[in-house]
Amino acid sequence: MSVINGKIILTKNPCYQTYQRMTPKGIVVHSTGVNNPYIKRYVQPDDGIIGKNIYGNDWNNPSEDVCVHGFIGKDKNDNVKFYQTLPFDICCWGVGGGWNGSYNYDPAFIQFEMCEDDLRDKAYCKACYNKAVEVCAYLCKKYKINVDNVVSHREAYLRGYGSEHWDPTNWWDKFGYTMDGFRAAVRKKLAAKKKVRLKDGGALYKYPYKDPLGGSSKVKKKFAKGAVVVWLKDDGYGWSKVRSGTTTGWMMNLHIDAPGLSKFKTCTLTKKTNAFRVVNGKREGTAPLSAGTKYKLICTIERGRYSGERYIKIGKDKYYI
């Protein structure tokens, strides 16, 4: 079954006529905020599948000041589908703007709407959610988008790149769906139990962290560049569980040549900290790090001698803090 079930480009919408080219850097997931689950409310002309909007208030007209790349909702026979409404490589007018800018333009995100109903039909919500997972996985693969950049309108607002809206949280909360869970589902859809190739050597660890000082996460297996392993799941913090032959363990995503995998989180020190520099698996004295220093969190040590400490990277240097 195709991810894109239909294509009706809204050529009369001023957004399409502006036709500003872009390279997608992420995806914004919206929901309409209106009790009308039918695609035809927004998308016309009727292709014989979605049905006709007899009220003429669809978005394919020159008076609209909003437009997105697609819609998820019901066709005239109540089947949930995704219809593309703009080319994916032009800017849309979807998320508005915030104090840092707008995901409409710079950086430009692909955006689509899910057609809300009265917010009481769990089965319909689930169908839209599952279809959105399929759409995002497809787009992440096609445009090499990092899944961390798949956000809701609410998250776009909180990041400062969108207007103050709360969709689709206002809908998903009612049935236990979250954006973190959604992103995890997209990652699973992208790479579940599939063979992936390694960009460089890399190693397989017993736990989703490496502990060069305490030694509590032993290397289970080492790999050469280009080796193939079976991807199983992403922990969302820069590590994936993989299998090689009969050996299963954890590997840093930076070694894996696959789209959409999570990266190490960027964090900021809230106070001055004395860090232990790590060189060739040994402590090489302390280094003072000032408040406000940004670092990549490789992992938090969970077992062994340095349990509870964070293993971090700043530039090319690595530390325990």
Protein backbone atom coordinates (compact mmCIF):
# COMPACT_ATOMS: atom_id res chain seq x y z
CA MET A 1 0.00 0.00 0.00
CA SER A 2 1.36 3.39 -0.98
CA VAL A 3 2.16 5.94 1.72
CA ILE A 4 0.85 8.75 -0.49
CA ASN A 5 -2.69 7.73 -1.37
CA GLY A 6 -3.47 10.69 -3.59
CA LYS A 7 -2.09 13.95 -4.92
CA ILE A 8 -4.15 17.09 -5.48
CA ILE A 9 -1.84 20.10 -5.65
CA LEU A 10 -3.49 23.30 -4.44
CA THR A 11 -2.38 25.35 -7.45
CA LYS A 12 -4.77 28.26 -6.77
CA ASN A 13 -3.41 28.83 -3.27
CA PRO A 14 -1.03 31.85 -3.08
CA CYS A 15 1.54 29.70 -1.27
CA TYR A 16 1.86 27.43 -4.30
CA GLN A 17 1.98 30.40 -6.64
CA THR A 18 4.84 31.91 -4.61
CA TYR A 19 6.72 28.60 -5.14
CA GLN A 20 9.72 29.22 -2.91
CA ARG A 21 12.15 26.31 -3.20
CA MET A 22 13.62 24.72 -0.08
CA THR A 23 15.55 21.71 1.19
CA PRO A 24 13.49 20.07 3.97
CA LYS A 25 15.22 20.06 7.35
CA GLY A 26 12.39 18.60 9.41
CA ILE A 27 8.68 17.86 9.64
CA VAL A 28 5.88 19.61 11.56
CA VAL A 29 2.86 17.48 12.49
CA HIS A 30 -0.37 19.50 12.80
CA SER A 31 -4.01 18.78 13.54
CA THR A 32 -6.72 21.06 12.26
CA GLY A 33 -8.55 22.03 15.45
CA VAL A 34 -11.91 21.72 13.65
CA ASN A 35 -14.51 18.97 14.03
CA ASN A 36 -14.44 17.73 10.44
CA PRO A 37 -12.44 14.56 9.67
CA TYR A 38 -12.90 14.70 5.88
CA ILE A 39 -10.07 15.59 3.52
CA LYS A 40 -12.54 17.23 1.12
CA ARG A 41 -13.07 20.07 3.62
CA TYR A 42 -9.58 21.35 2.74
CA VAL A 43 -8.63 19.67 -0.53
CA GLN A 44 -10.32 20.13 -3.91
CA PRO A 45 -11.18 19.44 -6.69
CA ASP A 46 -12.75 16.06 -6.05
CA ASP A 47 -10.84 13.21 -7.67
CA GLY A 48 -13.77 10.85 -7.27
CA ILE A 49 -12.32 9.46 -4.03
CA ILE A 50 -12.32 12.27 -1.47
CA GLY A 51 -15.71 13.75 -2.37
CA LYS A 52 -16.85 17.25 -3.29
CA ASN A 53 -16.82 20.24 -0.95
CA ILE A 54 -20.12 21.94 -1.76
CA TYR A 55 -19.37 24.94 0.45
CA GLY A 56 -16.36 26.22 -1.49
CA ASN A 57 -14.29 26.79 1.67
CA ASP A 58 -11.41 24.48 0.72
CA TRP A 59 -7.83 25.74 0.60
CA ASN A 60 -7.46 25.60 -3.17
CA ASN A 61 -8.42 29.22 -3.69
CA PRO A 62 -6.60 32.57 -3.99
CA SER A 63 -8.01 34.02 -0.77
CA GLU A 64 -6.27 31.54 1.57
CA ASP A 65 -3.22 32.63 3.56
CA VAL A 66 -2.34 29.15 4.84
CA CYS A 67 -1.21 25.96 3.10
CA VAL A 68 0.56 22.73 4.02
CA HIS A 69 2.11 19.84 2.10
CA GLY A 70 -0.61 17.31 2.81
CA PHE A 71 -3.60 16.11 4.81
CA ILE A 72 -4.47 12.94 6.68
CA GLY A 73 -8.18 12.29 7.06
CA LYS A 74 -11.16 10.42 5.68
CA ASP A 75 -12.14 10.02 2.05
CA LYS A 76 -15.82 9.93 1.11
CA ASN A 77 -16.00 6.25 2.14
CA ASP A 78 -14.47 6.93 5.58
CA ASN A 79 -11.09 5.39 4.72
CA VAL A 80 -8.14 7.20 6.35
CA LYS A 81 -5.67 8.38 3.73
CA PHE A 82 -2.84 10.84 3.09
CA TYR A 83 -3.19 13.32 0.24
CA GLN A 84 -0.25 15.46 -0.90
CA THR A 85 -1.22 19.07 -1.59
CA LEU A 86 2.12 20.83 -2.28
CA PRO A 87 5.44 19.68 -3.72
CA PHE A 88 7.57 18.59 -0.77
CA ASP A 89 10.48 20.81 -1.86
CA ILE A 90 8.70 24.18 -1.66
CA CYS A 91 8.01 26.24 1.46
CA CYS A 92 4.54 26.03 2.95
CA TRP A 93 2.56 28.46 5.10
CA GLY A 94 1.73 26.29 8.07
CA VAL A 95 3.35 26.89 11.41
CA GLY A 96 3.52 30.67 11.63
CA GLY A 97 6.46 32.28 13.37
CA GLY A 98 8.10 32.57 16.78
CA TRP A 99 10.88 34.45 18.51
CA ASN A 100 13.59 32.44 16.72
CA GLY A 101 12.02 32.51 13.24
CA SER A 102 9.74 30.12 11.38
CA TYR A 103 9.85 26.50 10.29
CA ASN A 104 8.03 27.71 7.18
CA TYR A 105 11.24 29.17 5.78
CA ASP A 106 14.58 28.97 7.59
CA PRO A 107 15.01 26.19 8.43
CA ALA A 108 12.11 25.03 6.24
CA PHE A 109 10.09 21.98 7.36
CA ILE A 110 7.62 19.78 5.50
CA GLN A 111 4.24 20.13 7.22
CA PHE A 112 0.97 18.24 7.13
CA GLU A 113 -2.39 18.37 8.88
CA MET A 114 -4.45 15.59 10.45
CA CYS A 115 -8.18 16.30 10.19
CA GLU A 116 -9.63 16.30 13.69
CA ASP A 117 -13.08 14.96 14.54
CA ASP A 118 -14.90 15.57 17.84
CA LEU A 119 -11.86 14.08 19.66
CA ARG A 120 -13.86 11.14 21.06
CA ASP A 121 -13.19 8.42 18.47
CA LYS A 122 -10.10 6.50 19.63
CA ALA A 123 -10.04 4.26 16.55
CA TYR A 124 -9.98 7.25 14.19
CA CYS A 125 -7.25 8.97 16.22
CA LYS A 126 -5.16 5.78 16.13
CA ALA A 127 -5.64 5.45 12.37
CA CYS A 128 -4.45 9.04 11.82
CA TYR A 129 -1.51 8.51 14.20
CA ASN A 130 -0.42 5.33 12.40
CA LYS A 131 -0.73 6.98 9.00
CA ALA A 132 1.33 9.93 10.25
CA VAL A 133 4.06 7.49 11.36
CA GLU A 134 4.13 6.03 7.83
CA VAL A 135 4.26 9.48 6.23
CA CYS A 136 7.07 10.74 8.47
CA ALA A 137 9.15 7.57 7.99
CA TYR A 138 8.74 7.91 4.23
CA LEU A 139 9.74 11.60 4.25
CA CYS A 140 12.66 11.07 6.64
CA LYS A 141 14.07 8.41 4.35
CA LYS A 142 13.45 10.32 1.13
CA TYR A 143 14.92 13.63 2.34
CA LYS A 144 17.43 12.29 4.92
CA ILE A 145 15.64 14.08 7.77
CA ASN A 146 16.76 13.34 11.32
CA VAL A 147 13.82 12.03 13.34
CA ASP A 148 14.77 14.45 16.15
CA ASN A 149 13.50 17.16 13.77
CA VAL A 150 10.01 15.67 13.57
CA VAL A 151 8.00 17.98 15.83
CA SER A 152 4.44 18.94 16.66
CA HIS A 153 3.12 22.47 16.17
CA ARG A 154 3.30 22.79 19.96
CA GLU A 155 6.99 21.82 19.98
CA ALA A 156 7.70 24.22 17.12
CA TYR A 157 6.18 27.00 19.25
CA LEU A 158 8.19 25.97 22.31
CA ARG A 159 11.38 26.02 20.21
CA GLY A 160 10.53 29.54 19.03
CA TYR A 161 9.80 28.61 15.39
CA GLY A 162 6.01 28.64 15.33
CA SER A 163 2.90 30.39 16.53
CA GLU A 164 1.31 29.54 19.89
CA HIS A 165 -0.69 26.46 18.99
CA TRP A 166 -0.93 23.16 20.88
CA ASP A 167 -1.78 20.65 18.17
CA PRO A 168 -1.82 17.74 17.98
CA THR A 169 -1.24 17.43 21.76
CA ASN A 170 -4.79 18.65 22.41
CA TRP A 171 -6.02 15.53 20.57
CA TRP A 172 -3.36 12.90 21.24
CA ASP A 173 -3.30 13.48 24.99
CA LYS A 174 -6.83 12.13 25.20
CA PHE A 175 -5.67 8.70 24.01
CA GLY A 176 -2.18 8.48 25.51
CA TYR A 177 -0.14 9.41 22.44
CA THR A 178 3.00 11.56 22.82
CA MET A 179 5.52 13.06 20.41
CA ASP A 180 8.35 11.11 22.04
CA GLY A 181 6.41 7.92 21.44
CA PHE A 182 5.61 9.07 17.91
CA ARG A 183 9.27 9.68 17.08
CA ALA A 184 10.14 6.26 18.49
CA ALA A 185 7.51 4.72 16.22
CA VAL A 186 8.94 6.58 13.20
CA ARG A 187 12.44 5.27 14.00
CA LYS A 188 11.08 1.76 14.34
CA LYS A 189 9.27 2.09 11.01
CA LEU A 190 12.42 3.39 9.33
CA ALA A 191 14.77 0.66 10.34
CA ALA A 192 13.01 -2.15 12.20
CA LYS A 193 14.91 -5.40 11.85
CA LYS A 194 16.64 -4.34 8.68
CA LYS A 195 20.22 -4.74 7.62
CA VAL A 196 22.36 -1.61 7.91
CA ARG A 197 25.93 -0.93 6.88
CA LEU A 198 28.54 0.65 9.15
CA LYS A 199 30.22 3.90 8.13
CA ASP A 200 33.40 2.97 9.98
CA GLY A 201 34.60 0.39 12.48
CA GLY A 202 32.57 0.72 15.62
CA ALA A 203 32.01 -1.78 18.39
CA LEU A 204 29.16 -3.66 20.01
CA TYR A 205 28.67 -3.15 23.76
CA LYS A 206 26.73 -5.10 26.35
CA TYR A 207 24.93 -1.95 27.55
CA PRO A 208 23.99 1.31 25.72
CA TYR A 209 27.13 3.05 26.95
CA LYS A 210 30.87 2.64 26.88
CA ASP A 211 32.87 2.97 30.08
CA PRO A 212 36.56 3.33 29.20
CA LEU A 213 37.49 3.85 32.86
CA GLY A 214 35.28 1.48 34.83
CA GLY A 215 35.11 -1.23 32.21
CA SER A 216 31.56 -2.27 33.08
CA SER A 217 30.33 -2.20 29.47
CA LYS A 218 32.68 -4.62 27.80
CA VAL A 219 33.12 -4.70 24.03
CA LYS A 220 31.28 -7.77 22.75
CA LYS A 221 32.41 -7.49 19.15
CA LYS A 222 34.39 -5.14 16.90
CA PHE A 223 33.62 -4.35 13.27
CA ALA A 224 35.44 -3.16 10.17
CA LYS A 225 34.18 -0.36 7.95
CA GLY A 226 31.36 -1.54 5.70
CA ALA A 227 30.28 -4.42 7.94
CA VAL A 228 26.56 -5.26 7.88
CA VAL A 229 24.46 -5.74 11.04
CA VAL A 230 20.74 -6.08 11.75
CA TRP A 231 19.24 -2.95 13.32
CA LEU A 232 16.72 -3.64 16.10
CA LYS A 233 15.85 -0.38 17.91
CA ASP A 234 17.01 3.15 18.77
CA ASP A 235 17.15 4.32 22.40
CA GLY A 236 16.58 7.95 21.36
CA TYR A 237 19.90 9.16 22.83
CA GLY A 238 22.43 8.25 20.16
CA TRP A 239 22.59 4.45 20.56
CA SER A 240 20.98 1.51 18.76
CA LYS A 241 20.52 -2.13 19.62
CA VAL A 242 21.83 -4.32 16.78
CA ARG A 243 22.52 -7.96 16.06
CA SER A 244 25.46 -9.56 14.31
CA GLY A 245 25.10 -13.29 13.86
CA THR A 246 24.09 -14.59 17.28
CA THR A 247 25.55 -11.57 19.13
CA THR A 248 23.22 -8.76 20.21
CA GLY A 249 24.37 -5.52 21.82
CA TRP A 250 24.48 -1.73 21.65
CA MET A 251 26.31 0.54 19.20
CA MET A 252 26.70 4.29 18.78
CA ASN A 253 24.45 5.57 15.99
CA LEU A 254 27.27 7.65 14.56
CA HIS A 255 28.74 4.41 13.18
CA ILE A 256 25.53 3.33 11.42
CA ASP A 257 24.69 4.35 7.85
CA ALA A 258 20.90 4.65 8.20
CA PRO A 259 18.53 7.66 8.07
CA GLY A 260 16.64 9.10 11.00
CA LEU A 261 18.65 7.66 13.91
CA SER A 262 18.95 9.76 17.06
CA LYS A 263 22.09 11.71 17.90
CA PHE A 264 23.82 12.41 21.19
CA LYS A 265 21.92 15.09 23.07
CA THR A 266 23.42 18.57 23.35
CA CYS A 267 23.36 19.73 26.99
CA THR A 268 24.51 22.82 28.88
CA LEU A 269 26.31 22.95 32.23
CA THR A 270 24.32 24.93 34.77
CA LYS A 271 27.31 25.53 37.04
CA LYS A 272 31.08 25.45 37.05
CA THR A 273 32.27 21.83 37.09
CA ASN A 274 35.59 20.06 37.52
CA ALA A 275 35.69 17.39 34.83
CA PHE A 276 38.04 14.43 34.49
CA ARG A 277 39.73 14.40 31.09
CA VAL A 278 39.79 10.97 29.41
CA VAL A 279 42.82 10.14 27.26
CA ASN A 280 43.44 6.62 25.93
CA GLY A 281 41.15 5.15 28.56
CA LYS A 282 42.83 6.89 31.50
CA ARG A 283 42.21 9.96 33.63
CA GLU A 284 44.60 12.75 32.78
CA GLY A 285 43.80 15.16 35.59
CA THR A 286 40.89 17.54 36.01
CA ALA A 287 39.74 20.35 33.75
CA PRO A 288 37.48 23.19 34.97
CA LEU A 289 34.39 23.70 32.79
CA SER A 290 32.48 26.94 33.17
CA ALA A 291 28.71 27.31 33.54
CA GLY A 292 27.08 27.58 30.13
CA THR A 293 29.49 25.14 28.49
CA LYS A 294 27.71 23.03 25.86
CA TYR A 295 28.57 19.36 25.52
CA LYS A 296 27.43 16.17 23.80
CA LEU A 297 26.20 13.52 26.23
CA ILE A 298 27.58 10.18 25.05
CA CYS A 299 25.99 8.29 27.93
CA THR A 300 25.42 8.15 31.66
CA ILE A 301 27.36 5.37 33.35
CA GLU A 302 24.87 3.01 35.00
CA ARG A 303 27.12 0.28 36.37
CA GLY A 304 30.61 -0.18 37.73
CA ARG A 305 33.17 2.04 39.37
CA TYR A 306 31.92 5.34 37.92
CA SER A 307 28.19 4.66 38.09
CA GLY A 308 26.17 7.89 37.91
CA GLU A 309 28.83 9.93 36.11
CA ARG A 310 28.29 11.32 32.64
CA TYR A 311 30.64 10.56 29.76
CA ILE A 312 30.70 13.65 27.54
CA LYS A 313 32.37 15.16 24.50
CA ILE A 314 33.36 18.79 23.91
CA GLY A 315 34.89 19.27 20.50
CA LYS A 316 37.39 16.42 20.17
CA ASP A 317 37.96 16.11 23.92
CA LYS A 318 36.17 13.63 26.20
CA TYR A 319 35.48 13.89 29.89
CA TYR A 320 33.72 12.35 32.88
CA ILE A 321 31.67 14.76 34.98
